[in-house]
């Protein structure tokens, strides 16, 4: 059975953030705490958003009144899945169990070539 790399987006709310960098660090740390040690193989990063005016990449952080919405990208390797759909479902269920009430969306599923 093939192995897959599943990429998901998550929206994470950070309260009492002093700056966008502070919000990004807090978001990654909080998600990491929830996923570890069971899912220590999940890669957590802050996503990028394209500027509608100039087209350059900006970090996915929106900060207002010391409250930030941080867009995270989570990558998980899924082994021995029967299909891309099966791999996506496994990743979403496993991550979703640990990040309850957090919006998750599948971005990409790609087969890992060996």
PDB file of N, CA and C in Angstrom:
ATOM      1  N   UNK A   1       0.841  -1.184   0.000  1.00  0.00           N
ATOM      2  CA  UNK A   1       0.000   0.000   0.000  1.00  0.00           C
ATOM      3  C   UNK A   1       0.885   1.246   0.000  1.00  0.00           C
ATOM      4  N   UNK A   2       0.461   2.272  -0.701  1.00  0.00           N
ATOM      5  CA  UNK A   2       1.284   3.482  -0.801  1.00  0.00           C
ATOM      6  C   UNK A   2       1.213   4.347   0.460  1.00  0.00           C
ATOM      7  N   UNK A   3       2.203   5.228   0.561  1.00  0.00           N
ATOM      8  CA  UNK A   3       2.267   6.213   1.639  1.00  0.00           C
ATOM      9  C   UNK A   3       1.976   7.593   1.049  1.00  0.00           C
ATOM     10  N   UNK A   4       1.398   8.488   1.871  1.00  0.00           N
ATOM     11  CA  UNK A   4       0.977   9.799   1.388  1.00  0.00           C
ATOM     12  C   UNK A   4       1.434  10.903   2.331  1.00  0.00           C
ATOM     13  N   UNK A   5       1.609  12.097   1.774  1.00  0.00           N
ATOM     14  CA  UNK A   5       1.839  13.307   2.548  1.00  0.00           C
ATOM     15  C   UNK A   5       0.568  14.137   2.432  1.00  0.00           C
ATOM     16  N   UNK A   6      -0.084  14.365   3.568  1.00  0.00           N
ATOM     17  CA  UNK A   6      -1.353  15.096   3.593  1.00  0.00           C
ATOM     18  C   UNK A   6      -1.094  16.476   4.189  1.00  0.00           C
ATOM     19  N   UNK A   7      -1.530  17.505   3.482  1.00  0.00           N
ATOM     20  CA  UNK A   7      -1.377  18.884   3.939  1.00  0.00           C
ATOM     21  C   UNK A   7      -2.750  19.444   4.266  1.00  0.00           C
ATOM     22  N   UNK A   8      -2.876  19.986   5.482  1.00  0.00           N
ATOM     23  CA  UNK A   8      -4.132  20.574   5.936  1.00  0.00           C
ATOM     24  C   UNK A   8      -3.907  22.020   6.354  1.00  0.00           C
ATOM     25  N   UNK A   9      -4.982  22.809   6.322  1.00  0.00           N
ATOM     26  CA  UNK A   9      -4.982  24.165   6.861  1.00  0.00           C
ATOM     27  C   UNK A   9      -5.774  24.143   8.152  1.00  0.00           C
ATOM     28  N   UNK A  10      -5.332  24.941   9.111  1.00  0.00           N
ATOM     29  CA  UNK A  10      -6.057  25.083  10.374  1.00  0.00           C
ATOM     30  C   UNK A  10      -6.115  26.561  10.736  1.00  0.00           C
ATOM     31  N   UNK A  11      -7.241  26.977  11.305  1.00  0.00           N
ATOM     32  CA  UNK A  11      -7.387  28.345  11.785  1.00  0.00           C
ATOM     33  C   UNK A  11      -7.246  28.323  13.304  1.00  0.00           C
ATOM     34  N   UNK A  12      -6.280  29.067  13.836  1.00  0.00           N
ATOM     35  CA  UNK A  12      -5.993  29.046  15.271  1.00  0.00           C
ATOM     36  C   UNK A  12      -6.158  30.445  15.847  1.00  0.00           C
ATOM     37  N   UNK A  13      -6.893  30.562  16.931  1.00  0.00           N
ATOM     38  CA  UNK A  13      -7.150  31.836  17.584  1.00  0.00           C
ATOM     39  C   UNK A  13      -6.178  32.020  18.748  1.00  0.00           C
ATOM     40  N   UNK A  14      -5.518  33.168  18.791  1.00  0.00           N
ATOM     41  CA  UNK A  14      -4.568  33.478  19.855  1.00  0.00           C
ATOM     42  C   UNK A  14      -5.029  34.754  20.550  1.00  0.00           C
ATOM     43  N   UNK A  15      -5.242  34.661  21.846  1.00  0.00           N
ATOM     44  CA  UNK A  15      -5.634  35.839  22.635  1.00  0.00           C
ATOM     45  C   UNK A  15      -4.400  36.421  23.326  1.00  0.00           C
ATOM     46  N   UNK A  16      -4.447  37.701  23.597  1.00  0.00           N
ATOM     47  CA  UNK A  16      -3.370  38.429  24.288  1.00  0.00           C
ATOM     48  C   UNK A  16      -2.043  38.377  23.530  1.00  0.00           C
ATOM     49  N   UNK A  17      -2.111  38.461  22.220  1.00  0.00           N
ATOM     50  CA  UNK A  17      -0.897  38.502  21.393  1.00  0.00           C
ATOM     51  C   UNK A  17      -0.409  39.945  21.315  1.00  0.00           C
ATOM     52  N   UNK A  18       0.877  40.127  21.489  1.00  0.00           N
ATOM     53  CA  UNK A  18       1.454  41.478  21.481  1.00  0.00           C
ATOM     54  C   UNK A  18       1.856  41.933  20.087  1.00  0.00           C
ATOM     55  N   UNK A  19       2.135  40.977  19.210  1.00  0.00           N
ATOM     56  CA  UNK A  19       2.559  41.296  17.848  1.00  0.00           C
ATOM     57  C   UNK A  19       2.228  40.107  16.950  1.00  0.00           C
ATOM     58  N   UNK A  20       2.281  40.307  15.627  1.00  0.00           N
ATOM     59  CA  UNK A  20       2.044  39.170  14.729  1.00  0.00           C
ATOM     60  C   UNK A  20       3.047  38.032  14.932  1.00  0.00           C
ATOM     61  N   UNK A  21       4.301  38.349  15.187  1.00  0.00           N
ATOM     62  CA  UNK A  21       5.312  37.310  15.416  1.00  0.00           C
ATOM     63  C   UNK A  21       5.004  36.550  16.707  1.00  0.00           C
ATOM     64  N   UNK A  22       4.589  37.280  17.732  1.00  0.00           N
ATOM     65  CA  UNK A  22       4.192  36.661  18.994  1.00  0.00           C
ATOM     66  C   UNK A  22       3.016  35.708  18.756  1.00  0.00           C
ATOM     67  N   UNK A  23       2.037  36.141  17.982  1.00  0.00           N
ATOM     68  CA  UNK A  23       0.868  35.311  17.688  1.00  0.00           C
ATOM     69  C   UNK A  23       1.265  34.040  16.941  1.00  0.00           C
ATOM     70  N   UNK A  24       2.176  34.161  15.969  1.00  0.00           N
ATOM     71  CA  UNK A  24       2.621  32.984  15.217  1.00  0.00           C
ATOM     72  C   UNK A  24       3.336  31.988  16.127  1.00  0.00           C
ATOM     73  N   UNK A  25       4.226  32.489  16.978  1.00  0.00           N
ATOM     74  CA  UNK A  25       4.962  31.613  17.891  1.00  0.00           C
ATOM     75  C   UNK A  25       4.027  30.903  18.871  1.00  0.00           C
ATOM     76  N   UNK A  26       3.069  31.650  19.420  1.00  0.00           N
ATOM     77  CA  UNK A  26       2.115  31.058  20.359  1.00  0.00           C
ATOM     78  C   UNK A  26       1.271  29.996  19.667  1.00  0.00           C
ATOM     79  N   UNK A  27       0.787  30.285  18.466  1.00  0.00           N
ATOM     80  CA  UNK A  27      -0.059  29.337  17.737  1.00  0.00           C
ATOM     81  C   UNK A  27       0.675  28.031  17.459  1.00  0.00           C
ATOM     82  N   UNK A  28       1.903  28.122  16.962  1.00  0.00           N
ATOM     83  CA  UNK A  28       2.678  26.914  16.656  1.00  0.00           C
ATOM     84  C   UNK A  28       2.950  26.121  17.936  1.00  0.00           C
ATOM     85  N   UNK A  29       3.290  26.821  19.019  1.00  0.00           N
ATOM     86  CA  UNK A  29       3.577  26.138  20.284  1.00  0.00           C
ATOM     87  C   UNK A  29       2.335  25.451  20.853  1.00  0.00           C
ATOM     88  N   UNK A  30       1.192  26.135  20.816  1.00  0.00           N
ATOM     89  CA  UNK A  30      -0.039  25.552  21.369  1.00  0.00           C
ATOM     90  C   UNK A  30      -0.487  24.333  20.570  1.00  0.00           C
ATOM     91  N   UNK A  31      -0.420  24.403  19.260  1.00  0.00           N
ATOM     92  CA  UNK A  31      -0.793  23.254  18.429  1.00  0.00           C
ATOM     93  C   UNK A  31       0.196  22.112  18.650  1.00  0.00           C
ATOM     94  N   UNK A  32       1.468  22.437  18.751  1.00  0.00           N
ATOM     95  CA  UNK A  32       2.479  21.419  19.012  1.00  0.00           C
ATOM     96  C   UNK A  32       2.230  20.685  20.320  1.00  0.00           C
ATOM     97  N   UNK A  33       1.829  21.406  21.349  1.00  0.00           N
ATOM     98  CA  UNK A  33       1.528  20.782  22.643  1.00  0.00           C
ATOM     99  C   UNK A  33       0.348  19.821  22.536  1.00  0.00           C
ATOM    100  N   UNK A  34      -0.651  20.202  21.770  1.00  0.00           N
ATOM    101  CA  UNK A  34      -1.828  19.334  21.624  1.00  0.00           C
ATOM    102  C   UNK A  34      -1.533  18.076  20.808  1.00  0.00           C
ATOM    103  N   UNK A  35      -0.651  18.196  19.838  1.00  0.00           N
ATOM    104  CA  UNK A  35      -0.358  17.055  18.962  1.00  0.00           C
ATOM    105  C   UNK A  35       0.685  16.104  19.550  1.00  0.00           C
ATOM    106  N   UNK A  36       1.595  16.611  20.350  1.00  0.00           N
ATOM    107  CA  UNK A  36       2.659  15.770  20.915  1.00  0.00           C
ATOM    108  C   UNK A  36       2.177  15.052  22.159  1.00  0.00           C
ATOM    109  N   UNK A  37       2.651  13.905  22.490  1.00  0.00           N
ATOM    110  CA  UNK A  37       3.649  13.109  21.790  1.00  0.00           C
ATOM    111  C   UNK A  37       3.049  12.179  20.745  1.00  0.00           C
ATOM    112  N   UNK A  38       1.718  12.039  20.711  1.00  0.00           N
ATOM    113  CA  UNK A  38       1.069  11.076  19.814  1.00  0.00           C
ATOM    114  C   UNK A  38       1.358  11.341  18.341  1.00  0.00           C
ATOM    115  N   UNK A  39       1.301  12.593  17.938  1.00  0.00           N
ATOM    116  CA  UNK A  39       1.496  12.946  16.532  1.00  0.00           C
ATOM    117  C   UNK A  39       2.709  13.865  16.384  1.00  0.00           C
ATOM    118  N   UNK A  40       3.831  13.433  16.907  1.00  0.00           N
ATOM    119  CA  UNK A  40       5.036  14.256  16.836  1.00  0.00           C
ATOM    120  C   UNK A  40       5.591  14.348  15.412  1.00  0.00           C
ATOM    121  N   UNK A  41       5.078  13.528  14.505  1.00  0.00           N
ATOM    122  CA  UNK A  41       5.539  13.549  13.118  1.00  0.00           C
ATOM    123  C   UNK A  41       4.803  14.588  12.263  1.00  0.00           C
ATOM    124  N   UNK A  42       3.876  15.352  12.839  1.00  0.00           N
ATOM    125  CA  UNK A  42       3.154  16.378  12.090  1.00  0.00           C
ATOM    126  C   UNK A  42       4.000  17.647  12.067  1.00  0.00           C
ATOM    127  N   UNK A  43       4.242  18.151  10.871  1.00  0.00           N
ATOM    128  CA  UNK A  43       5.000  19.394  10.700  1.00  0.00           C
ATOM    129  C   UNK A  43       4.026  20.563  10.780  1.00  0.00           C
ATOM    130  N   UNK A  44       4.341  21.544  11.624  1.00  0.00           N
ATOM    131  CA  UNK A  44       3.471  22.706  11.846  1.00  0.00           C
ATOM    132  C   UNK A  44       4.194  23.951  11.358  1.00  0.00           C
ATOM    133  N   UNK A  45       3.502  24.744  10.548  1.00  0.00           N
ATOM    134  CA  UNK A  45       4.094  25.982  10.050  1.00  0.00           C
ATOM    135  C   UNK A  45       2.980  27.011   9.859  1.00  0.00           C
ATOM    136  N   UNK A  46       3.357  28.276   9.830  1.00  0.00           N
ATOM    137  CA  UNK A  46       2.403  29.346   9.555  1.00  0.00           C
ATOM    138  C   UNK A  46       2.244  29.441   8.043  1.00  0.00           C
ATOM    139  N   UNK A  47       1.008  29.501   7.591  1.00  0.00           N
ATOM    140  CA  UNK A  47       0.740  29.565   6.158  1.00  0.00           C
ATOM    141  C   UNK A  47       1.014  30.936   5.573  1.00  0.00           C
ATOM    142  N   UNK A  48       0.976  31.004   4.261  1.00  0.00           N
ATOM    143  CA  UNK A  48       1.147  32.255   3.539  1.00  0.00           C
ATOM    144  C   UNK A  48      -0.146  32.623   2.836  1.00  0.00           C
ATOM    145  N   UNK A  49      -0.377  33.928   2.748  1.00  0.00           N
ATOM    146  CA  UNK A  49      -1.527  34.467   2.036  1.00  0.00           C
ATOM    147  C   UNK A  49      -1.001  35.447   1.001  1.00  0.00           C
ATOM    148  N   UNK A  50      -1.591  35.432  -0.176  1.00  0.00           N
ATOM    149  CA  UNK A  50      -1.145  36.330  -1.238  1.00  0.00           C
ATOM    150  C   UNK A  50      -1.796  37.697  -1.083  1.00  0.00           C
ATOM    151  N   UNK A  51      -0.990  38.738  -1.145  1.00  0.00           N
ATOM    152  CA  UNK A  51      -1.499  40.106  -1.082  1.00  0.00           C
ATOM    153  C   UNK A  51      -2.346  40.373  -2.333  1.00  0.00           C
ATOM    154  N   UNK A  52      -3.590  40.823  -2.156  1.00  0.00           N
ATOM    155  CA  UNK A  52      -4.443  41.043  -3.326  1.00  0.00           C
ATOM    156  C   UNK A  52      -3.975  42.182  -4.222  1.00  0.00           C
ATOM    157  N   UNK A  53      -3.192  43.096  -3.688  1.00  0.00           N
ATOM    158  CA  UNK A  53      -2.742  44.242  -4.471  1.00  0.00           C
ATOM    159  C   UNK A  53      -1.440  43.977  -5.222  1.00  0.00           C
ATOM    160  N   UNK A  54      -0.430  43.484  -4.497  1.00  0.00           N
ATOM    161  CA  UNK A  54       0.886  43.328  -5.129  1.00  0.00           C
ATOM    162  C   UNK A  54       1.239  41.880  -5.463  1.00  0.00           C
ATOM    163  N   UNK A  55       0.515  40.920  -4.881  1.00  0.00           N
ATOM    164  CA  UNK A  55       0.758  39.517  -5.188  1.00  0.00           C
ATOM    165  C   UNK A  55       1.868  38.869  -4.380  1.00  0.00           C
ATOM    166  N   UNK A  56       2.500  39.616  -3.477  1.00  0.00           N
ATOM    167  CA  UNK A  56       3.579  39.019  -2.671  1.00  0.00           C
ATOM    168  C   UNK A  56       2.998  38.161  -1.545  1.00  0.00           C
ATOM    169  N   UNK A  57       3.808  37.236  -1.055  1.00  0.00           N
ATOM    170  CA  UNK A  57       3.370  36.325   0.002  1.00  0.00           C
ATOM    171  C   UNK A  57       3.518  36.990   1.367  1.00  0.00           C
ATOM    172  N   UNK A  58       2.453  36.915   2.157  1.00  0.00           N
ATOM    173  CA  UNK A  58       2.444  37.439   3.520  1.00  0.00           C
ATOM    174  C   UNK A  58       2.078  36.306   4.466  1.00  0.00           C
ATOM    175  N   UNK A  59       2.595  36.344   5.678  1.00  0.00           N
ATOM    176  CA  UNK A  59       2.234  35.331   6.668  1.00  0.00           C
ATOM    177  C   UNK A  59       0.749  35.471   7.008  1.00  0.00           C
ATOM    178  N   UNK A  60       0.076  34.349   7.223  1.00  0.00           N
ATOM    179  CA  UNK A  60      -1.366  34.316   7.476  1.00  0.00           C
ATOM    180  C   UNK A  60      -1.672  34.635   8.936  1.00  0.00           C
ATOM    181  N   UNK A  61      -1.572  35.905   9.281  1.00  0.00           N
ATOM    182  CA  UNK A  61      -1.866  36.367  10.634  1.00  0.00           C
ATOM    183  C   UNK A  61      -2.690  37.641  10.519  1.00  0.00           C
ATOM    184  N   UNK A  62      -3.795  37.682  11.265  1.00  0.00           N
ATOM    185  CA  UNK A  62      -4.623  38.879  11.320  1.00  0.00           C
ATOM    186  C   UNK A  62      -4.774  39.239  12.786  1.00  0.00           C
ATOM    187  N   UNK A  63      -4.247  40.401  13.186  1.00  0.00           N
ATOM    188  CA  UNK A  63      -4.204  40.800  14.588  1.00  0.00           C
ATOM    189  C   UNK A  63      -5.032  42.067  14.795  1.00  0.00           C
ATOM    190  N   UNK A  64      -6.021  41.966  15.692  1.00  0.00           N
ATOM    191  CA  UNK A  64      -6.856  43.113  16.056  1.00  0.00           C
ATOM    192  C   UNK A  64      -7.128  43.032  17.557  1.00  0.00           C
ATOM    193  N   UNK A  65      -6.923  44.127  18.257  1.00  0.00           N
ATOM    194  CA  UNK A  65      -7.218  44.223  19.690  1.00  0.00           C
ATOM    195  C   UNK A  65      -6.578  43.081  20.482  1.00  0.00           C
ATOM    196  N   UNK A  66      -5.309  42.825  20.213  1.00  0.00           N
ATOM    197  CA  UNK A  66      -4.536  41.781  20.897  1.00  0.00           C
ATOM    198  C   UNK A  66      -5.105  40.374  20.727  1.00  0.00           C
ATOM    199  N   UNK A  67      -5.915  40.171  19.714  1.00  0.00           N
ATOM    200  CA  UNK A  67      -6.451  38.846  19.382  1.00  0.00           C
ATOM    201  C   UNK A  67      -6.093  38.562  17.930  1.00  0.00           C
ATOM    202  N   UNK A  68      -5.503  37.394  17.698  1.00  0.00           N
ATOM    203  CA  UNK A  68      -5.016  37.070  16.352  1.00  0.00           C
ATOM    204  C   UNK A  68      -5.666  35.800  15.827  1.00  0.00           C
ATOM    205  N   UNK A  69      -5.901  35.791  14.541  1.00  0.00           N
ATOM    206  CA  UNK A  69      -6.292  34.587  13.818  1.00  0.00           C
ATOM    207  C   UNK A  69      -5.077  34.191  12.984  1.00  0.00           C
ATOM    208  N   UNK A  70      -4.565  32.997  13.257  1.00  0.00           N
ATOM    209  CA  UNK A  70      -3.350  32.528  12.586  1.00  0.00           C
ATOM    210  C   UNK A  70      -3.705  31.340  11.702  1.00  0.00           C
ATOM    211  N   UNK A  71      -3.340  31.416  10.451  1.00  0.00           N
ATOM    212  CA  UNK A  71      -3.547  30.314   9.518  1.00  0.00           C
ATOM    213  C   UNK A  71      -2.349  29.388   9.549  1.00  0.00           C
ATOM    214  N   UNK A  72      -2.560  28.150   9.977  1.00  0.00           N
ATOM    215  CA  UNK A  72      -1.472  27.183  10.087  1.00  0.00           C
ATOM    216  C   UNK A  72      -1.553  26.143   8.980  1.00  0.00           C
ATOM    217  N   UNK A  73      -0.404  25.624   8.607  1.00  0.00           N
ATOM    218  CA  UNK A  73      -0.306  24.530   7.652  1.00  0.00           C
ATOM    219  C   UNK A  73       0.249  23.327   8.414  1.00  0.00           C
ATOM    220  N   UNK A  74      -0.464  22.211   8.343  1.00  0.00           N
ATOM    221  CA  UNK A  74      -0.061  20.983   9.023  1.00  0.00           C
ATOM    222  C   UNK A  74       0.209  19.914   7.974  1.00  0.00           C
ATOM    223  N   UNK A  75       1.384  19.295   8.048  1.00  0.00           N
ATOM    224  CA  UNK A  75       1.734  18.222   7.112  1.00  0.00           C
ATOM    225  C   UNK A  75       1.935  16.930   7.894  1.00  0.00           C
ATOM    226  N   UNK A  76       1.254  15.889   7.456  1.00  0.00           N
ATOM    227  CA  UNK A  76       1.328  14.599   8.133  1.00  0.00           C
ATOM    228  C   UNK A  76       1.565  13.498   7.119  1.00  0.00           C
ATOM    229  N   UNK A  77       2.513  12.613   7.419  1.00  0.00           N
ATOM    230  CA  UNK A  77       2.729  11.436   6.583  1.00  0.00           C
ATOM    231  C   UNK A  77       1.768  10.343   7.035  1.00  0.00           C
ATOM    232  N   UNK A  78       1.067   9.772   6.074  1.00  0.00           N
ATOM    233  CA  UNK A  78       0.135   8.675   6.350  1.00  0.00           C
ATOM    234  C   UNK A  78       0.653   7.447   5.614  1.00  0.00           C
ATOM    235  N   UNK A  79       0.865   6.378   6.364  1.00  0.00           N
ATOM    236  CA  UNK A  79       1.449   5.164   5.804  1.00  0.00           C
ATOM    237  C   UNK A  79       0.373   4.109   5.549  1.00  0.00           C
ATOM    238  N   UNK A  80       0.544   3.378   4.448  1.00  0.00           N
ATOM    239  CA  UNK A  80      -0.310   2.241   4.089  1.00  0.00           C
ATOM    240  C   UNK A  80      -1.781   2.590   3.950  1.00  0.00           C
ATOM    241  N   UNK A  81      -2.077   3.705   3.300  1.00  0.00           N
ATOM    242  CA  UNK A  81      -3.460   4.072   3.009  1.00  0.00           C
ATOM    243  C   UNK A  81      -3.857   3.462   1.663  1.00  0.00           C
ATOM    244  N   UNK A  82      -5.127   3.182   1.506  1.00  0.00           N
ATOM    245  CA  UNK A  82      -5.585   2.544   0.273  1.00  0.00           C
ATOM    246  C   UNK A  82      -5.728   3.526  -0.893  1.00  0.00           C
ATOM    247  N   UNK A  83      -5.933   4.824  -0.576  1.00  0.00           N
ATOM    248  CA  UNK A  83      -6.110   5.828  -1.624  1.00  0.00           C
ATOM    249  C   UNK A  83      -5.809   7.214  -1.050  1.00  0.00           C
ATOM    250  N   UNK A  84      -5.808   8.213  -1.930  1.00  0.00           N
ATOM    251  CA  UNK A  84      -5.613   9.594  -1.470  1.00  0.00           C
ATOM    252  C   UNK A  84      -6.732  10.010  -0.524  1.00  0.00           C
ATOM    253  N   UNK A  85      -7.955   9.620  -0.853  1.00  0.00           N
ATOM    254  CA  UNK A  85      -9.109   9.963  -0.025  1.00  0.00           C
ATOM    255  C   UNK A  85      -8.992   9.317   1.355  1.00  0.00           C
ATOM    256  N   UNK A  86      -8.545   8.091   1.388  1.00  0.00           N
ATOM    257  CA  UNK A  86      -8.367   7.377   2.652  1.00  0.00           C
ATOM    258  C   UNK A  86      -7.275   8.050   3.496  1.00  0.00           C
ATOM    259  N   UNK A  87      -6.182   8.445   2.873  1.00  0.00           N
ATOM    260  CA  UNK A  87      -5.101   9.134   3.576  1.00  0.00           C
ATOM    261  C   UNK A  87      -5.582  10.468   4.150  1.00  0.00           C
ATOM    262  N   UNK A  88      -6.360  11.217   3.362  1.00  0.00           N
ATOM    263  CA  UNK A  88      -6.894  12.502   3.825  1.00  0.00           C
ATOM    264  C   UNK A  88      -7.811  12.306   5.023  1.00  0.00           C
ATOM    265  N   UNK A  89      -8.640  11.279   4.958  1.00  0.00           N
ATOM    266  CA  UNK A  89      -9.571  10.998   6.055  1.00  0.00           C
ATOM    267  C   UNK A  89      -8.815  10.615   7.329  1.00  0.00           C
ATOM    268  N   UNK A  90      -7.790   9.782   7.202  1.00  0.00           N
ATOM    269  CA  UNK A  90      -6.985   9.376   8.359  1.00  0.00           C
ATOM    270  C   UNK A  90      -6.342  10.603   9.008  1.00  0.00           C
ATOM    271  N   UNK A  91      -5.718  11.452   8.198  1.00  0.00           N
ATOM    272  CA  UNK A  91      -5.038  12.636   8.729  1.00  0.00           C
ATOM    273  C   UNK A  91      -6.021  13.575   9.411  1.00  0.00           C
ATOM    274  N   UNK A  92      -7.150  13.808   8.783  1.00  0.00           N
ATOM    275  CA  UNK A  92      -8.142  14.731   9.348  1.00  0.00           C
ATOM    276  C   UNK A  92      -8.715  14.201  10.659  1.00  0.00           C
ATOM    277  N   UNK A  93      -8.950  12.893  10.734  1.00  0.00           N
ATOM    278  CA  UNK A  93      -9.488  12.303  11.964  1.00  0.00           C
ATOM    279  C   UNK A  93      -8.447  12.346  13.078  1.00  0.00           C
ATOM    280  N   UNK A  94      -7.219  11.948  12.787  1.00  0.00           N
ATOM    281  CA  UNK A  94      -6.179  11.903  13.812  1.00  0.00           C
ATOM    282  C   UNK A  94      -5.849  13.301  14.345  1.00  0.00           C
ATOM    283  N   UNK A  95      -5.708  14.266  13.460  1.00  0.00           N
ATOM    284  CA  UNK A  95      -5.421  15.634  13.894  1.00  0.00           C
ATOM    285  C   UNK A  95      -6.660  16.249  14.532  1.00  0.00           C
ATOM    286  N   UNK A  96      -7.823  15.991  13.958  1.00  0.00           N
ATOM    287  CA  UNK A  96      -9.073  16.539  14.479  1.00  0.00           C
ATOM    288  C   UNK A  96      -9.392  16.089  15.891  1.00  0.00           C
ATOM    289  N   UNK A  97      -9.003  14.853  16.257  1.00  0.00           N
ATOM    290  CA  UNK A  97      -9.217  14.365  17.624  1.00  0.00           C
ATOM    291  C   UNK A  97      -8.482  15.231  18.640  1.00  0.00           C
ATOM    292  N   UNK A  98      -7.319  15.702  18.257  1.00  0.00           N
ATOM    293  CA  UNK A  98      -6.483  16.471  19.179  1.00  0.00           C
ATOM    294  C   UNK A  98      -6.727  17.976  19.093  1.00  0.00           C
ATOM    295  N   UNK A  99      -7.306  18.418  17.995  1.00  0.00           N
ATOM    296  CA  UNK A  99      -7.620  19.844  17.800  1.00  0.00           C
ATOM    297  C   UNK A  99      -9.127  20.018  17.650  1.00  0.00           C
ATOM    298  N   UNK A 100      -9.852  19.628  18.675  1.00  0.00           N
ATOM    299  CA  UNK A 100     -11.308  19.719  18.619  1.00  0.00           C
ATOM    300  C   UNK A 100     -11.742  21.175  18.491  1.00  0.00           C
ATOM    301  N   UNK A 101     -12.805  21.403  17.753  1.00  0.00           N
ATOM    302  CA  UNK A 101     -13.378  22.729  17.501  1.00  0.00           C
ATOM    303  C   UNK A 101     -12.438  23.654  16.732  1.00  0.00           C
ATOM    304  N   UNK A 102     -11.474  23.080  16.024  1.00  0.00           N
ATOM    305  CA  UNK A 102     -10.573  23.862  15.179  1.00  0.00           C
ATOM    306  C   UNK A 102     -10.911  23.539  13.728  1.00  0.00           C
ATOM    307  N   UNK A 103     -11.218  24.563  12.919  1.00  0.00           N
ATOM    308  CA  UNK A 103     -11.515  24.296  11.513  1.00  0.00           C
ATOM    309  C   UNK A 103     -10.305  23.716  10.789  1.00  0.00           C
ATOM    310  N   UNK A 104     -10.498  22.586  10.130  1.00  0.00           N
ATOM    311  CA  UNK A 104      -9.446  21.934   9.348  1.00  0.00           C
ATOM    312  C   UNK A 104      -9.928  21.755   7.918  1.00  0.00           C
ATOM    313  N   UNK A 105      -9.026  21.944   6.981  1.00  0.00           N
ATOM    314  CA  UNK A 105      -9.361  21.754   5.566  1.00  0.00           C
ATOM    315  C   UNK A 105      -8.190  21.073   4.872  1.00  0.00           C
ATOM    316  N   UNK A 106      -8.499  20.063   4.072  1.00  0.00           N
ATOM    317  CA  UNK A 106      -7.471  19.375   3.288  1.00  0.00           C
ATOM    318  C   UNK A 106      -7.036  20.293   2.150  1.00  0.00           C
ATOM    319  N   UNK A 107      -5.728  20.505   2.030  1.00  0.00           N
ATOM    320  CA  UNK A 107      -5.188  21.346   0.965  1.00  0.00           C
ATOM    321  C   UNK A 107      -4.650  20.494  -0.172  1.00  0.00           C
ATOM    322  N   UNK A 108      -3.882  19.456   0.212  1.00  0.00           N
ATOM    323  CA  UNK A 108      -3.228  18.629  -0.813  1.00  0.00           C
ATOM    324  C   UNK A 108      -2.919  17.259  -0.251  1.00  0.00           C
ATOM    325  N   UNK A 109      -3.007  16.264  -1.104  1.00  0.00           N
ATOM    326  CA  UNK A 109      -2.590  14.900  -0.766  1.00  0.00           C
ATOM    327  C   UNK A 109      -1.709  14.422  -1.899  1.00  0.00           C
ATOM    328  N   UNK A 110      -0.476  14.046  -1.560  1.00  0.00           N
ATOM    329  CA  UNK A 110       0.433  13.567  -2.602  1.00  0.00           C
ATOM    330  C   UNK A 110       1.078  12.250  -2.158  1.00  0.00           C
ATOM    331  N   UNK A 111       1.265  11.386  -3.136  1.00  0.00           N
ATOM    332  CA  UNK A 111       1.881  10.096  -2.833  1.00  0.00           C
ATOM    333  C   UNK A 111       3.374  10.282  -2.636  1.00  0.00           C
ATOM    334  N   UNK A 112       3.908   9.614  -1.617  1.00  0.00           N
ATOM    335  CA  UNK A 112       5.342   9.660  -1.350  1.00  0.00           C
ATOM    336  C   UNK A 112       6.005   8.569  -2.166  1.00  0.00           C
ATOM    337  N   UNK A 113       6.879   8.966  -3.070  1.00  0.00           N
ATOM    338  CA  UNK A 113       7.604   8.008  -3.905  1.00  0.00           C
ATOM    339  C   UNK A 113       8.765   7.446  -3.115  1.00  0.00           C
ATOM    340  N   UNK A 114       9.000   6.154  -3.247  1.00  0.00           N
ATOM    341  CA  UNK A 114      10.066   5.525  -2.470  1.00  0.00           C
ATOM    342  C   UNK A 114      11.233   5.138  -3.324  1.00  0.00           C
TER     343      UNK A 114
END
